[in-house]
C-alpha cells in the first residue's frame, strides 16, 4: 500500500501542510505541500521526497560499509 497522509496538526482546506509518504505503513519520507497547488503537484513532491530518501538511505549504507560516520 502506498499512502500520502496529511499529518498537519491543524489541517485546513488551504495553505501549507505536512505530509508523510508511507509504504506498507512505514513512513519513508516527509514533505510539505500547499493544498491549493493540487494533486499533481502533491504527487510530484511525494515522488521527489521518495527519491531523496532513497539516495539518503543508500548513502548511509555506503558510509556504514566504508566504516566512517561523516
N, C-alpha and C. Protein backbone atom coordinates (compact mmCIF):
# COMPACT_ATOMS: atom_id res chain seq x y z
N UNK A 1 0.83 -1.16 0.00
CA UNK A 1 0.00 0.00 0.00
C UNK A 1 0.88 1.24 0.00
N UNK A 2 0.53 2.20 -0.80
CA UNK A 2 1.20 3.49 -0.82
C UNK A 2 0.18 4.53 -0.36
N UNK A 3 0.58 5.37 0.61
CA UNK A 3 -0.34 6.38 1.12
C UNK A 3 0.40 7.70 1.31
N UNK A 4 -0.28 8.77 0.98
CA UNK A 4 0.20 10.12 1.28
C UNK A 4 -0.74 10.65 2.35
N UNK A 5 -0.19 10.86 3.55
CA UNK A 5 -1.01 11.17 4.71
C UNK A 5 -0.73 12.60 5.20
N UNK A 6 -1.77 13.38 5.34
CA UNK A 6 -1.65 14.72 5.90
C UNK A 6 -1.47 14.56 7.41
N UNK A 7 -0.31 14.96 7.90
CA UNK A 7 0.00 14.82 9.32
C UNK A 7 0.05 16.18 10.02
N UNK A 8 -0.50 17.21 9.40
CA UNK A 8 -0.53 18.54 9.99
C UNK A 8 -1.37 18.52 11.26
N UNK A 9 -0.96 19.32 12.23
CA UNK A 9 -1.71 19.37 13.48
C UNK A 9 -3.08 20.00 13.30
N UNK A 10 -3.18 20.99 12.45
CA UNK A 10 -4.44 21.68 12.21
C UNK A 10 -4.74 21.73 10.71
N UNK A 11 -5.14 20.62 10.11
CA UNK A 11 -5.40 20.64 8.68
C UNK A 11 -6.57 21.56 8.33
N UNK A 12 -6.42 22.28 7.25
CA UNK A 12 -7.46 23.17 6.76
C UNK A 12 -7.53 23.01 5.24
N UNK A 13 -8.55 23.54 4.61
CA UNK A 13 -8.67 23.38 3.17
C UNK A 13 -7.60 24.13 2.37
N UNK A 14 -6.89 25.06 3.01
CA UNK A 14 -5.92 25.87 2.29
C UNK A 14 -4.61 25.93 3.05
N UNK A 15 -3.57 26.34 2.36
CA UNK A 15 -2.28 26.56 2.99
C UNK A 15 -1.35 25.37 2.92
N UNK A 16 -0.19 25.57 3.51
CA UNK A 16 0.86 24.57 3.51
C UNK A 16 0.58 23.55 4.61
N UNK A 17 0.75 22.29 4.25
CA UNK A 17 0.53 21.19 5.18
C UNK A 17 1.73 20.25 5.16
N UNK A 18 1.89 19.50 6.25
CA UNK A 18 2.93 18.49 6.35
C UNK A 18 2.34 17.13 5.96
N UNK A 19 3.09 16.40 5.15
CA UNK A 19 2.64 15.10 4.67
C UNK A 19 3.72 14.05 4.90
N UNK A 20 3.28 12.81 5.05
CA UNK A 20 4.17 11.66 5.09
C UNK A 20 3.82 10.76 3.92
N UNK A 21 4.86 10.26 3.28
CA UNK A 21 4.69 9.22 2.27
C UNK A 21 4.92 7.89 2.97
N UNK A 22 3.93 7.04 2.96
CA UNK A 22 4.03 5.74 3.65
C UNK A 22 3.93 4.61 2.65
N UNK A 23 4.77 3.62 2.85
CA UNK A 23 4.71 2.40 2.05
C UNK A 23 4.56 1.26 3.03
N UNK A 24 3.46 0.53 2.91
CA UNK A 24 3.15 -0.56 3.85
C UNK A 24 3.25 -0.09 5.30
N UNK A 25 2.65 1.05 5.58
CA UNK A 25 2.57 1.67 6.91
C UNK A 25 3.88 2.23 7.43
N UNK A 26 4.96 2.08 6.70
CA UNK A 26 6.24 2.65 7.13
C UNK A 26 6.40 4.02 6.49
N UNK A 27 6.65 5.03 7.31
CA UNK A 27 6.88 6.37 6.79
C UNK A 27 8.26 6.41 6.14
N UNK A 28 8.29 6.65 4.84
CA UNK A 28 9.57 6.65 4.12
C UNK A 28 10.07 8.05 3.81
N UNK A 29 9.17 9.04 3.84
CA UNK A 29 9.58 10.41 3.54
C UNK A 29 8.54 11.39 4.06
N UNK A 30 9.00 12.62 4.28
CA UNK A 30 8.11 13.70 4.68
C UNK A 30 8.31 14.86 3.71
N UNK A 31 7.25 15.62 3.51
CA UNK A 31 7.35 16.80 2.65
C UNK A 31 6.22 17.75 2.99
N UNK A 32 6.34 18.97 2.48
CA UNK A 32 5.29 19.96 2.67
C UNK A 32 4.65 20.25 1.33
N UNK A 33 3.36 20.57 1.37
CA UNK A 33 2.61 20.83 0.15
C UNK A 33 1.53 21.87 0.43
N UNK A 34 1.39 22.80 -0.48
CA UNK A 34 0.34 23.81 -0.41
C UNK A 34 -0.89 23.24 -1.10
N UNK A 35 -1.94 23.03 -0.37
CA UNK A 35 -3.12 22.32 -0.88
C UNK A 35 -3.69 22.94 -2.15
N UNK A 36 -3.62 24.26 -2.26
CA UNK A 36 -4.16 24.91 -3.45
C UNK A 36 -3.43 24.53 -4.73
N UNK A 37 -2.21 23.99 -4.60
CA UNK A 37 -1.43 23.61 -5.77
C UNK A 37 -1.94 22.33 -6.44
N UNK A 38 -2.79 21.59 -5.76
CA UNK A 38 -3.46 20.45 -6.37
C UNK A 38 -2.73 19.12 -6.26
N UNK A 39 -3.44 18.10 -6.74
CA UNK A 39 -2.97 16.72 -6.62
C UNK A 39 -1.71 16.45 -7.43
N UNK A 40 -1.63 16.96 -8.64
CA UNK A 40 -0.46 16.69 -9.48
C UNK A 40 0.82 17.14 -8.79
N UNK A 41 0.81 18.34 -8.24
CA UNK A 41 2.00 18.85 -7.56
C UNK A 41 2.27 18.03 -6.30
N UNK A 42 1.23 17.64 -5.59
CA UNK A 42 1.40 16.81 -4.39
C UNK A 42 2.09 15.49 -4.74
N UNK A 43 1.65 14.86 -5.81
CA UNK A 43 2.25 13.59 -6.23
C UNK A 43 3.70 13.78 -6.67
N UNK A 44 3.98 14.89 -7.35
CA UNK A 44 5.35 15.18 -7.76
C UNK A 44 6.25 15.39 -6.54
N UNK A 45 5.75 16.09 -5.54
CA UNK A 45 6.52 16.31 -4.32
C UNK A 45 6.74 15.01 -3.56
N UNK A 46 5.73 14.15 -3.54
CA UNK A 46 5.88 12.85 -2.89
C UNK A 46 6.94 12.02 -3.61
N UNK A 47 6.93 12.04 -4.93
CA UNK A 47 7.93 11.30 -5.71
C UNK A 47 9.33 11.84 -5.45
N UNK A 48 9.48 13.16 -5.41
CA UNK A 48 10.78 13.77 -5.14
C UNK A 48 11.26 13.42 -3.73
N UNK A 49 10.35 13.43 -2.77
CA UNK A 49 10.72 13.08 -1.39
C UNK A 49 11.15 11.62 -1.30
N UNK A 50 10.46 10.75 -2.03
CA UNK A 50 10.82 9.32 -2.04
C UNK A 50 12.20 9.12 -2.66
N UNK A 51 12.47 9.82 -3.74
CA UNK A 51 13.77 9.72 -4.41
C UNK A 51 14.89 10.22 -3.50
N UNK A 52 14.65 11.34 -2.83
CA UNK A 52 15.65 11.88 -1.90
C UNK A 52 15.92 10.90 -0.77
N UNK A 53 14.86 10.33 -0.21
CA UNK A 53 15.01 9.36 0.89
C UNK A 53 15.78 8.13 0.44
N UNK A 54 15.52 7.68 -0.79
CA UNK A 54 16.22 6.51 -1.34
C UNK A 54 17.72 6.76 -1.38
N UNK A 55 18.12 7.93 -1.89
CA UNK A 55 19.55 8.24 -2.00
C UNK A 55 20.18 8.50 -0.64
N UNK A 56 19.44 9.08 0.28
CA UNK A 56 19.97 9.27 1.63
C UNK A 56 20.21 7.93 2.31
N UNK A 57 19.29 6.99 2.11
CA UNK A 57 19.47 5.64 2.67
C UNK A 57 20.65 4.93 2.03
N UNK A 58 20.80 5.06 0.72
CA UNK A 58 21.93 4.45 0.03
C UNK A 58 23.25 5.03 0.53
N UNK A 59 23.29 6.33 0.74
CA UNK A 59 24.49 6.99 1.25
C UNK A 59 24.82 6.47 2.66
N UNK A 60 23.81 6.34 3.49
CA UNK A 60 24.02 5.85 4.86
C UNK A 60 24.60 4.43 4.84
N UNK A 61 24.09 3.61 3.96
CA UNK A 61 24.60 2.23 3.84
C UNK A 61 26.06 2.25 3.39
N UNK A 62 26.37 3.08 2.40
CA UNK A 62 27.75 3.17 1.92
C UNK A 62 28.70 3.65 3.02
N UNK A 63 28.24 4.59 3.83
CA UNK A 63 29.07 5.09 4.92
C UNK A 63 29.30 4.01 5.97
N UNK A 64 28.30 3.17 6.21
CA UNK A 64 28.47 2.06 7.16
C UNK A 64 29.48 1.04 6.60
N UNK A 65 29.38 0.75 5.32
CA UNK A 65 30.30 -0.19 4.71
C UNK A 65 31.72 0.35 4.69
N UNK A 66 31.84 1.66 4.53
CA UNK A 66 33.15 2.32 4.50
C UNK A 66 33.74 2.42 5.89
N UNK A 67 32.90 2.31 6.92
CA UNK A 67 33.39 2.38 8.28
C UNK A 67 33.52 3.79 8.81
N UNK A 68 33.02 4.75 8.06
CA UNK A 68 33.10 6.13 8.53
C UNK A 68 31.72 6.65 8.90
N UNK A 69 31.67 7.63 9.75
CA UNK A 69 30.40 8.23 10.19
C UNK A 69 30.39 9.71 9.89
N UNK A 70 30.62 10.09 8.67
CA UNK A 70 30.67 11.51 8.30
C UNK A 70 29.31 12.09 8.14
